[in-house]
Amino acid sequence: MAAHAVDELISTITPEDLRQVILRIAEQQEAGTQGVAAASVMSHFMEGRDWGTGVERSRAYFRLRQAIQDQVAKIEGMKYISSSA
């Protein structure tokens, strides 16, 4: 996926849209599960798109992950927690 296409996707992700995605994913999880894995959110946005291979894919992934983290910070009551697992 070209850098331009990644920028275009990122520009469409609003805090409210992201909030809705997170809530939909949370509703599909087992009862008692706390939090939503960032990988699940990333999969939602990556699905059906050509992200390229190798370095190109890695760059797109990390840019999208950072954009999601930035948008989560704007959502009241939600917090992005990094995991070292």
Protein backbone atom coordinates (compact mmCIF):
# COMPACT_ATOMS: atom_id res chain seq x y z
CA MET A 1 0.00 0.00 0.00
CA ALA A 2 1.50 3.29 -1.04
CA ALA A 3 2.17 5.92 1.60
CA HIS A 4 -0.51 8.10 0.00
CA ALA A 5 -3.12 5.35 0.46
CA VAL A 6 -2.15 4.91 4.13
CA ASP A 7 -2.46 8.67 4.66
CA GLU A 8 -5.87 8.63 3.00
CA LEU A 9 -7.11 5.81 5.25
CA ILE A 10 -5.74 7.46 8.39
CA SER A 11 -7.42 10.75 7.48
CA THR A 12 -10.82 9.03 7.45
CA ILE A 13 -10.58 7.59 10.98
CA THR A 14 -12.41 9.87 13.38
CA PRO A 15 -12.55 9.38 17.14
CA GLU A 16 -16.29 8.63 16.90
CA ASP A 17 -15.84 6.08 14.12
CA LEU A 18 -13.05 4.41 16.07
CA ARG A 19 -15.18 4.39 19.21
CA GLN A 20 -17.95 2.59 17.32
CA VAL A 21 -15.51 0.00 15.97
CA ILE A 22 -14.12 -0.64 19.45
CA LEU A 23 -17.61 -0.99 20.94
CA ARG A 24 -18.68 -3.44 18.21
CA ILE A 25 -15.61 -5.56 18.82
CA ALA A 26 -16.19 -5.44 22.58
CA GLU A 27 -19.79 -6.65 22.12
CA GLN A 28 -18.53 -9.73 20.27
CA GLN A 29 -16.09 -10.76 23.01
CA GLU A 30 -16.75 -13.23 25.81
CA ALA A 31 -18.51 -11.83 28.85
CA GLY A 32 -16.06 -10.54 31.42
CA THR A 33 -13.34 -9.73 28.89
CA GLN A 34 -11.81 -6.39 29.69
CA GLY A 35 -10.46 -4.22 26.93
CA VAL A 36 -10.19 -4.71 23.21
CA ALA A 37 -6.95 -5.89 21.67
CA ALA A 38 -5.35 -3.35 19.37
CA ALA A 39 -4.79 -6.20 16.90
CA SER A 40 -8.57 -6.60 16.56
CA VAL A 41 -8.99 -2.92 15.83
CA MET A 42 -6.09 -2.97 13.38
CA SER A 43 -7.60 -5.97 11.60
CA HIS A 44 -10.83 -4.06 11.11
CA PHE A 45 -9.05 -1.27 9.25
CA MET A 46 -6.56 -3.50 7.42
CA GLU A 47 -9.13 -5.98 6.13
CA GLY A 48 -9.58 -6.04 2.38
CA ARG A 49 -6.69 -3.68 1.64
CA ASP A 50 -3.38 -4.36 -0.04
CA TRP A 51 -0.76 -3.39 2.53
CA GLY A 52 2.18 -4.46 0.40
CA THR A 53 4.93 -6.69 1.70
CA GLY A 54 7.97 -6.45 3.91
CA VAL A 55 9.09 -2.98 4.86
CA GLU A 56 6.17 -1.30 3.09
CA ARG A 57 3.65 -3.38 5.10
CA SER A 58 5.50 -2.76 8.36
CA ARG A 59 5.56 1.00 7.81
CA ALA A 60 1.85 1.07 6.98
CA TYR A 61 1.04 -1.06 10.04
CA PHE A 62 3.01 1.12 12.45
CA ARG A 63 1.62 4.35 11.00
CA LEU A 64 -1.94 3.04 11.30
CA ARG A 65 -1.29 1.79 14.84
CA GLN A 66 0.02 5.21 15.86
CA ALA A 67 -2.99 6.93 14.28
CA ILE A 68 -5.35 4.64 16.21
CA GLN A 69 -3.46 5.31 19.43
CA ASP A 70 -3.69 9.07 18.78
CA GLN A 71 -7.43 8.88 18.10
CA VAL A 72 -8.15 6.73 21.18
CA ALA A 73 -6.58 9.50 23.28
CA LYS A 74 -9.38 11.78 22.04
CA ILE A 75 -12.17 9.40 23.11
CA GLU A 76 -13.55 10.13 26.56
CA GLY A 77 -13.47 7.05 28.78
CA MET A 78 -11.13 5.04 26.55
CA LYS A 79 -7.43 4.50 26.91
CA TYR A 80 -4.80 2.85 24.71
CA ILE A 81 -2.63 0.59 26.81
CA SER A 82 0.58 -0.74 25.30
CA SER A 83 1.45 -4.32 26.06
CA SER A 84 4.89 -5.83 26.20
CA ALA A 85 3.51 -9.33 25.65
